[in-house]
């Protein structure tokens, strides 16, 4: 059974809830998340703005963390 992790953020009054100074368009921001394996599940609009809901398999995060650990280990071995 696939386990998922979820991400939510909003665009309210032209600002992103996860980074108020982020100048990216919604398309660019979603494309950037897509390259990190996030999938857009839903968008909700209410009087405050747009709310975005994304998901990705939990295994993707575990693999990315393992890759970062491997890179750090290789770098420290080269430094010695």
N, C-alpha and C. Protein backbone atom coordinates (compact mmCIF):
# COMPACT_ATOMS: atom_id res chain seq x y z
N UNK A 1 0.83 -1.18 0.00
CA UNK A 1 0.00 0.00 0.00
C UNK A 1 0.88 1.25 0.00
N UNK A 2 0.58 2.18 -0.85
CA UNK A 2 1.36 3.42 -0.94
C UNK A 2 1.04 4.33 0.24
N UNK A 3 2.09 4.87 0.85
CA UNK A 3 1.93 5.87 1.90
C UNK A 3 2.25 7.22 1.29
N UNK A 4 1.49 8.23 1.66
CA UNK A 4 1.61 9.55 1.06
C UNK A 4 2.04 10.59 2.08
N UNK A 5 2.68 11.62 1.58
CA UNK A 5 2.88 12.84 2.37
C UNK A 5 2.15 13.95 1.63
N UNK A 6 1.71 14.95 2.37
CA UNK A 6 0.87 16.00 1.81
C UNK A 6 1.48 17.37 2.04
N UNK A 7 1.14 18.28 1.15
CA UNK A 7 1.62 19.65 1.22
C UNK A 7 0.46 20.57 0.89
N UNK A 8 0.29 21.61 1.66
CA UNK A 8 -0.74 22.61 1.37
C UNK A 8 -0.11 23.99 1.43
N UNK A 9 -0.59 24.86 0.59
CA UNK A 9 -0.20 26.26 0.63
C UNK A 9 -1.30 27.07 -0.02
N UNK A 10 -1.25 28.37 0.15
CA UNK A 10 -2.32 29.23 -0.36
C UNK A 10 -1.72 30.44 -1.08
N UNK A 11 -2.51 31.00 -1.95
CA UNK A 11 -2.18 32.28 -2.60
C UNK A 11 -3.28 33.25 -2.20
N UNK A 12 -2.92 34.18 -1.34
CA UNK A 12 -3.89 35.12 -0.78
C UNK A 12 -3.39 36.53 -1.03
N UNK A 13 -4.20 37.32 -1.69
CA UNK A 13 -3.87 38.72 -2.00
C UNK A 13 -2.53 38.83 -2.72
N UNK A 14 -2.24 37.89 -3.63
CA UNK A 14 -1.03 37.95 -4.43
C UNK A 14 0.22 37.41 -3.77
N UNK A 15 0.12 36.95 -2.52
CA UNK A 15 1.28 36.40 -1.80
C UNK A 15 1.07 34.92 -1.52
N UNK A 16 2.17 34.18 -1.48
CA UNK A 16 2.13 32.76 -1.14
C UNK A 16 2.21 32.61 0.37
N UNK A 17 1.43 31.70 0.92
CA UNK A 17 1.43 31.49 2.37
C UNK A 17 2.75 30.88 2.85
N UNK A 18 3.46 30.15 1.98
CA UNK A 18 4.70 29.51 2.41
C UNK A 18 5.93 30.38 2.15
N UNK A 19 5.78 31.49 1.45
CA UNK A 19 6.90 32.42 1.23
C UNK A 19 6.31 33.72 0.72
N UNK A 20 6.09 34.68 1.58
CA UNK A 20 5.38 35.90 1.21
C UNK A 20 6.08 36.72 0.13
N UNK A 21 7.38 36.52 -0.06
CA UNK A 21 8.11 37.32 -1.04
C UNK A 21 8.43 36.54 -2.31
N UNK A 22 7.78 35.41 -2.49
CA UNK A 22 7.99 34.56 -3.65
C UNK A 22 7.25 35.17 -4.85
N UNK A 23 7.96 35.57 -5.89
CA UNK A 23 7.35 36.22 -7.03
C UNK A 23 6.90 35.29 -8.14
N UNK A 24 6.97 33.97 -7.92
CA UNK A 24 6.60 33.02 -8.97
C UNK A 24 5.10 33.02 -9.24
N UNK A 25 4.74 32.77 -10.50
CA UNK A 25 3.34 32.60 -10.87
C UNK A 25 2.86 31.25 -10.34
N UNK A 26 1.54 31.06 -10.24
CA UNK A 26 1.05 29.74 -9.81
C UNK A 26 1.55 28.61 -10.71
N UNK A 27 1.59 28.84 -12.02
CA UNK A 27 2.06 27.80 -12.95
C UNK A 27 3.52 27.43 -12.68
N UNK A 28 4.36 28.42 -12.47
CA UNK A 28 5.78 28.18 -12.22
C UNK A 28 5.97 27.45 -10.88
N UNK A 29 5.26 27.91 -9.87
CA UNK A 29 5.39 27.28 -8.55
C UNK A 29 4.94 25.82 -8.60
N UNK A 30 3.81 25.54 -9.25
CA UNK A 30 3.34 24.16 -9.36
C UNK A 30 4.28 23.31 -10.21
N UNK A 31 4.85 23.89 -11.25
CA UNK A 31 5.83 23.15 -12.07
C UNK A 31 7.06 22.80 -11.24
N UNK A 32 7.51 23.74 -10.42
CA UNK A 32 8.66 23.48 -9.57
C UNK A 32 8.37 22.35 -8.58
N UNK A 33 7.18 22.37 -7.98
CA UNK A 33 6.81 21.28 -7.08
C UNK A 33 6.69 19.97 -7.86
N UNK A 34 6.19 20.02 -9.08
CA UNK A 34 6.08 18.82 -9.90
C UNK A 34 7.42 18.16 -10.16
N UNK A 35 8.47 18.95 -10.32
CA UNK A 35 9.80 18.37 -10.54
C UNK A 35 10.31 17.65 -9.29
N UNK A 36 9.71 17.97 -8.13
CA UNK A 36 10.05 17.28 -6.88
C UNK A 36 9.04 16.17 -6.57
N UNK A 37 8.31 15.73 -7.59
CA UNK A 37 7.36 14.61 -7.51
C UNK A 37 6.06 14.92 -6.79
N UNK A 38 5.76 16.20 -6.54
CA UNK A 38 4.48 16.55 -5.95
C UNK A 38 3.41 16.55 -7.04
N UNK A 39 2.24 16.04 -6.70
CA UNK A 39 1.10 15.99 -7.62
C UNK A 39 -0.02 16.85 -7.06
N UNK A 40 -0.54 17.75 -7.88
CA UNK A 40 -1.65 18.60 -7.46
C UNK A 40 -2.91 17.74 -7.36
N UNK A 41 -3.53 17.75 -6.20
CA UNK A 41 -4.73 16.94 -5.96
C UNK A 41 -5.97 17.79 -6.08
N UNK A 42 -5.91 19.01 -5.55
CA UNK A 42 -7.10 19.85 -5.53
C UNK A 42 -6.72 21.32 -5.36
N UNK A 43 -7.61 22.18 -5.83
CA UNK A 43 -7.49 23.61 -5.60
C UNK A 43 -8.85 24.08 -5.11
N UNK A 44 -8.85 24.83 -4.03
CA UNK A 44 -10.08 25.36 -3.46
C UNK A 44 -9.99 26.88 -3.49
N UNK A 45 -11.05 27.53 -3.95
CA UNK A 45 -11.09 28.99 -3.91
C UNK A 45 -12.17 29.40 -2.93
N UNK A 46 -11.81 30.31 -2.04
CA UNK A 46 -12.81 30.90 -1.15
C UNK A 46 -12.54 32.41 -1.07
N UNK A 47 -13.21 33.09 -0.21
CA UNK A 47 -13.09 34.55 -0.15
C UNK A 47 -11.69 35.03 0.23
N UNK A 48 -10.88 34.15 0.82
CA UNK A 48 -9.52 34.56 1.19
C UNK A 48 -8.52 34.36 0.06
N UNK A 49 -8.78 33.44 -0.87
CA UNK A 49 -7.87 33.19 -1.97
C UNK A 49 -7.89 31.74 -2.41
N UNK A 50 -6.81 31.31 -3.06
CA UNK A 50 -6.69 29.95 -3.58
C UNK A 50 -5.89 29.09 -2.61
N UNK A 51 -6.37 27.87 -2.40
CA UNK A 51 -5.70 26.91 -1.52
C UNK A 51 -5.34 25.69 -2.37
N UNK A 52 -4.06 25.32 -2.35
CA UNK A 52 -3.55 24.23 -3.17
C UNK A 52 -3.22 23.04 -2.28
N UNK A 53 -3.59 21.84 -2.75
CA UNK A 53 -3.35 20.60 -2.01
C UNK A 53 -2.58 19.65 -2.91
N UNK A 54 -1.42 19.20 -2.44
CA UNK A 54 -0.56 18.31 -3.22
C UNK A 54 -0.22 17.07 -2.42
N UNK A 55 0.19 16.00 -3.13
CA UNK A 55 0.64 14.79 -2.46
C UNK A 55 1.76 14.16 -3.28
N UNK A 56 2.56 13.31 -2.61
CA UNK A 56 3.56 12.50 -3.29
C UNK A 56 3.82 11.27 -2.44
N UNK A 57 4.28 10.20 -3.07
CA UNK A 57 4.57 9.00 -2.28
C UNK A 57 5.64 9.29 -1.24
N UNK A 58 5.46 8.78 -0.06
CA UNK A 58 6.41 8.98 1.02
C UNK A 58 7.79 8.44 0.66
N UNK A 59 7.85 7.42 -0.17
CA UNK A 59 9.13 6.83 -0.59
C UNK A 59 10.00 7.85 -1.32
N UNK A 60 9.42 8.81 -2.00
CA UNK A 60 10.19 9.84 -2.71
C UNK A 60 11.01 10.65 -1.73
N UNK A 61 10.43 11.03 -0.61
CA UNK A 61 11.14 11.82 0.40
C UNK A 61 12.27 10.98 1.01
N UNK A 62 11.98 9.71 1.30
CA UNK A 62 13.00 8.85 1.88
C UNK A 62 14.17 8.69 0.92
N UNK A 63 13.90 8.55 -0.38
CA UNK A 63 14.96 8.41 -1.38
C UNK A 63 15.77 9.69 -1.47
N UNK A 64 15.10 10.84 -1.47
CA UNK A 64 15.80 12.13 -1.55
C UNK A 64 16.70 12.33 -0.33
N UNK A 65 16.22 11.93 0.84
CA UNK A 65 17.03 12.07 2.05
C UNK A 65 18.23 11.14 1.99
N UNK A 66 18.05 9.93 1.47
CA UNK A 66 19.17 8.99 1.33
C UNK A 66 20.19 9.51 0.33
N UNK A 67 19.71 10.09 -0.78
CA UNK A 67 20.62 10.66 -1.78
C UNK A 67 21.45 11.79 -1.17
N UNK A 68 20.84 12.65 -0.37
CA UNK A 68 21.56 13.76 0.26
C UNK A 68 22.62 13.22 1.23
N UNK A 69 22.27 12.18 1.96
CA UNK A 69 23.22 11.57 2.90
C UNK A 69 24.40 10.99 2.14
N UNK A 70 24.14 10.31 1.03
CA UNK A 70 25.21 9.72 0.24
C UNK A 70 26.14 10.79 -0.33
N UNK A 71 25.58 11.91 -0.79
CA UNK A 71 26.39 13.00 -1.34
C UNK A 71 27.25 13.59 -0.24
N UNK A 72 26.69 13.80 0.95
CA UNK A 72 27.43 14.39 2.07
C UNK A 72 28.57 13.44 2.50
N UNK A 73 28.30 12.16 2.51
CA UNK A 73 29.32 11.18 2.89
C UNK A 73 30.46 11.18 1.89
N UNK A 74 30.14 11.21 0.60
CA UNK A 74 31.18 11.24 -0.44
C UNK A 74 32.01 12.51 -0.33
N UNK A 75 31.36 13.64 -0.06
CA UNK A 75 32.08 14.92 0.06
C UNK A 75 33.05 14.90 1.23
N UNK A 76 32.61 14.34 2.35
CA UNK A 76 33.48 14.34 3.53
C UNK A 76 34.65 13.38 3.33
N UNK A 77 34.46 12.30 2.59
CA UNK A 77 35.57 11.37 2.31
C UNK A 77 36.61 12.03 1.41
N UNK A 78 36.15 12.84 0.44
CA UNK A 78 37.08 13.53 -0.46
C UNK A 78 37.91 14.57 0.28
N UNK A 79 37.30 15.19 1.29
CA UNK A 79 37.97 16.26 2.05
C UNK A 79 39.12 15.72 2.91
N UNK A 80 39.06 14.44 3.25
CA UNK A 80 40.10 13.85 4.12
C UNK A 80 41.36 13.58 3.40
